[in-house]
Amino acid sequence: MSDLLDPVTVGVILAMASVTYLTKAGGLWLLGRVDLSARAEAGLEALPGAVVVSILAPSVVTAGPPTWLAAGVVVLVAWRTENVLAALLVGVSALLLLRGPPL
């Protein structure tokens, strides 16, 4: 029998999925019943962007000029269009163009 279909493995995966779902659903349920100040609400809305920046910033800072320019393009496109998907696609394209062909 394959390790992938091992009952223990499947059970662990289902348990992790259930805990993840319950954590997220419980948080949404709880936040729906709590009256937040405008400041707290604004902070929670900004949190996903802050997490993304905190993960990507060290890589961008330690990279070279092509990555810096591509990051600038991402910021400009996101600011002008307010479309994260468009910024992502344009940024990846800019990085590929700026780095040139692979060696």
C-alpha atoms as a PDB file:
ATOM      1  CA  MET A   1       0.000   0.000   0.000  1.00  0.00           C
ATOM      2  CA  SER A   2       1.247   3.474  -0.827  1.00  0.00           C
ATOM      3  CA  ASP A   3       2.358   5.767   2.001  1.00  0.00           C
ATOM      4  CA  LEU A   4       0.114   8.446   0.523  1.00  0.00           C
ATOM      5  CA  LEU A   5      -3.013   6.375   1.143  1.00  0.00           C
ATOM      6  CA  ASP A   6      -1.936   5.179   4.567  1.00  0.00           C
ATOM      7  CA  PRO A   7      -4.942   5.651   6.905  1.00  0.00           C
ATOM      8  CA  VAL A   8      -2.804   7.439   9.498  1.00  0.00           C
ATOM      9  CA  THR A   9      -1.503   9.893   6.874  1.00  0.00           C
ATOM     10  CA  VAL A  10      -4.998  10.568   5.548  1.00  0.00           C
ATOM     11  CA  GLY A  11      -6.309  11.016   9.097  1.00  0.00           C
ATOM     12  CA  VAL A  12      -3.550  13.478   9.971  1.00  0.00           C
ATOM     13  CA  ILE A  13      -4.205  15.498   6.804  1.00  0.00           C
ATOM     14  CA  LEU A  14      -7.946  15.603   7.506  1.00  0.00           C
ATOM     15  CA  ALA A  15      -7.327  16.602  11.126  1.00  0.00           C
ATOM     16  CA  MET A  16      -4.986  19.433  10.065  1.00  0.00           C
ATOM     17  CA  ALA A  17      -7.513  20.638   7.494  1.00  0.00           C
ATOM     18  CA  SER A  18     -10.287  20.593  10.103  1.00  0.00           C
ATOM     19  CA  VAL A  19      -8.242  22.519  12.659  1.00  0.00           C
ATOM     20  CA  THR A  20      -7.252  25.102  10.039  1.00  0.00           C
ATOM     21  CA  TYR A  21     -10.861  25.564   8.958  1.00  0.00           C
ATOM     22  CA  LEU A  22     -12.165  25.787  12.522  1.00  0.00           C
ATOM     23  CA  THR A  23      -9.500  28.339  13.447  1.00  0.00           C
ATOM     24  CA  LYS A  24     -10.376  30.577  10.512  1.00  0.00           C
ATOM     25  CA  ALA A  25     -14.130  30.132  10.841  1.00  0.00           C
ATOM     26  CA  GLY A  26     -13.961  30.713  14.591  1.00  0.00           C
ATOM     27  CA  GLY A  27     -11.979  33.903  14.108  1.00  0.00           C
ATOM     28  CA  LEU A  28     -14.463  35.219  11.561  1.00  0.00           C
ATOM     29  CA  TRP A  29     -17.372  34.271  13.819  1.00  0.00           C
ATOM     30  CA  LEU A  30     -15.758  36.005  16.799  1.00  0.00           C
ATOM     31  CA  LEU A  31     -14.907  39.163  14.856  1.00  0.00           C
ATOM     32  CA  GLY A  32     -18.502  39.318  13.635  1.00  0.00           C
ATOM     33  CA  ARG A  33     -19.670  39.610  17.241  1.00  0.00           C
ATOM     34  CA  VAL A  34     -17.084  42.141  18.457  1.00  0.00           C
ATOM     35  CA  ASP A  35     -17.535  45.856  17.914  1.00  0.00           C
ATOM     36  CA  LEU A  36     -14.170  47.134  16.675  1.00  0.00           C
ATOM     37  CA  SER A  37     -13.033  50.723  16.637  1.00  0.00           C
ATOM     38  CA  ALA A  38     -12.301  52.289  13.263  1.00  0.00           C
ATOM     39  CA  ARG A  39      -8.598  52.226  14.086  1.00  0.00           C
ATOM     40  CA  ALA A  40      -8.599  48.495  14.914  1.00  0.00           C
ATOM     41  CA  GLU A  41     -10.596  47.741  11.772  1.00  0.00           C
ATOM     42  CA  ALA A  42      -8.127  49.706   9.624  1.00  0.00           C
ATOM     43  CA  GLY A  43      -5.249  47.796  11.226  1.00  0.00           C
ATOM     44  CA  LEU A  44      -6.839  44.444  10.467  1.00  0.00           C
ATOM     45  CA  GLU A  45      -7.447  45.485   6.852  1.00  0.00           C
ATOM     46  CA  ALA A  46      -3.775  46.471   6.444  1.00  0.00           C
ATOM     47  CA  LEU A  47      -2.441  43.286   8.024  1.00  0.00           C
ATOM     48  CA  PRO A  48      -2.313  41.027   4.907  1.00  0.00           C
ATOM     49  CA  GLY A  49      -0.260  43.595   2.995  1.00  0.00           C
ATOM     50  CA  ALA A  50       2.088  44.030   5.929  1.00  0.00           C
ATOM     51  CA  VAL A  51       2.653  40.277   6.125  1.00  0.00           C
ATOM     52  CA  VAL A  52       3.476  40.085   2.412  1.00  0.00           C
ATOM     53  CA  VAL A  53       5.917  43.003   2.677  1.00  0.00           C
ATOM     54  CA  SER A  54       7.615  41.496   5.740  1.00  0.00           C
ATOM     55  CA  ILE A  55       8.151  38.232   3.868  1.00  0.00           C
ATOM     56  CA  LEU A  56       9.357  39.754   0.581  1.00  0.00           C
ATOM     57  CA  ALA A  57      11.317  42.814   1.762  1.00  0.00           C
ATOM     58  CA  PRO A  58      14.457  40.947   2.919  1.00  0.00           C
ATOM     59  CA  SER A  59      14.717  39.159  -0.432  1.00  0.00           C
ATOM     60  CA  VAL A  60      14.226  42.359  -2.406  1.00  0.00           C
ATOM     61  CA  VAL A  61      16.730  44.337  -0.328  1.00  0.00           C
ATOM     62  CA  THR A  62      19.467  41.730  -0.724  1.00  0.00           C
ATOM     63  CA  ALA A  63      18.831  41.257  -4.464  1.00  0.00           C
ATOM     64  CA  GLY A  64      20.288  43.281  -7.302  1.00  0.00           C
ATOM     65  CA  PRO A  65      19.082  46.151  -9.480  1.00  0.00           C
ATOM     66  CA  PRO A  66      16.767  44.051 -11.709  1.00  0.00           C
ATOM     67  CA  THR A  67      14.773  42.974  -8.654  1.00  0.00           C
ATOM     68  CA  TRP A  68      14.722  46.517  -7.255  1.00  0.00           C
ATOM     69  CA  LEU A  69      13.372  47.877 -10.548  1.00  0.00           C
ATOM     70  CA  ALA A  70      10.769  45.105 -10.786  1.00  0.00           C
ATOM     71  CA  ALA A  71       9.674  45.833  -7.201  1.00  0.00           C
ATOM     72  CA  GLY A  72       9.317  49.491  -8.126  1.00  0.00           C
ATOM     73  CA  VAL A  73       7.185  48.508 -11.111  1.00  0.00           C
ATOM     74  CA  VAL A  74       4.976  46.374  -8.845  1.00  0.00           C
ATOM     75  CA  VAL A  75       4.465  49.268  -6.424  1.00  0.00           C
ATOM     76  CA  LEU A  76       3.689  51.692  -9.266  1.00  0.00           C
ATOM     77  CA  VAL A  77       1.198  49.358 -10.975  1.00  0.00           C
ATOM     78  CA  ALA A  78      -0.500  48.462  -7.680  1.00  0.00           C
ATOM     79  CA  TRP A  79      -0.789  52.140  -6.775  1.00  0.00           C
ATOM     80  CA  ARG A  80      -2.118  53.233 -10.180  1.00  0.00           C
ATOM     81  CA  THR A  81      -4.496  50.348 -10.857  1.00  0.00           C
ATOM     82  CA  GLU A  82      -5.339  49.159  -7.317  1.00  0.00           C
ATOM     83  CA  ASN A  83      -5.250  45.679  -8.822  1.00  0.00           C
ATOM     84  CA  VAL A  84      -2.928  43.267  -7.014  1.00  0.00           C
ATOM     85  CA  LEU A  85      -3.155  40.581  -9.702  1.00  0.00           C
ATOM     86  CA  ALA A  86      -2.179  43.046 -12.438  1.00  0.00           C
ATOM     87  CA  ALA A  87       0.723  44.299 -10.311  1.00  0.00           C
ATOM     88  CA  LEU A  88       1.888  40.723  -9.742  1.00  0.00           C
ATOM     89  CA  LEU A  89       1.751  39.810 -13.435  1.00  0.00           C
ATOM     90  CA  VAL A  90       3.478  43.004 -14.557  1.00  0.00           C
ATOM     91  CA  GLY A  91       6.112  42.645 -11.829  1.00  0.00           C
ATOM     92  CA  VAL A  92       6.962  39.055 -12.734  1.00  0.00           C
ATOM     93  CA  SER A  93       7.135  40.029 -16.414  1.00  0.00           C
ATOM     94  CA  ALA A  94       9.368  42.998 -15.612  1.00  0.00           C
ATOM     95  CA  LEU A  95      11.697  40.828 -13.544  1.00  0.00           C
ATOM     96  CA  LEU A  96      11.983  38.243 -16.310  1.00  0.00           C
ATOM     97  CA  LEU A  97      12.729  40.953 -18.873  1.00  0.00           C
ATOM     98  CA  LEU A  98      15.205  42.793 -16.661  1.00  0.00           C
ATOM     99  CA  ARG A  99      17.140  39.643 -15.728  1.00  0.00           C
ATOM    100  CA  GLY A 100      17.538  38.626 -19.361  1.00  0.00           C
ATOM    101  CA  PRO A 101      17.796  35.132 -20.755  1.00  0.00           C
ATOM    102  CA  PRO A 102      19.019  32.358 -18.440  1.00  0.00           C
ATOM    103  CA  LEU A 103      22.592  31.264 -18.888  1.00  0.00           C
END
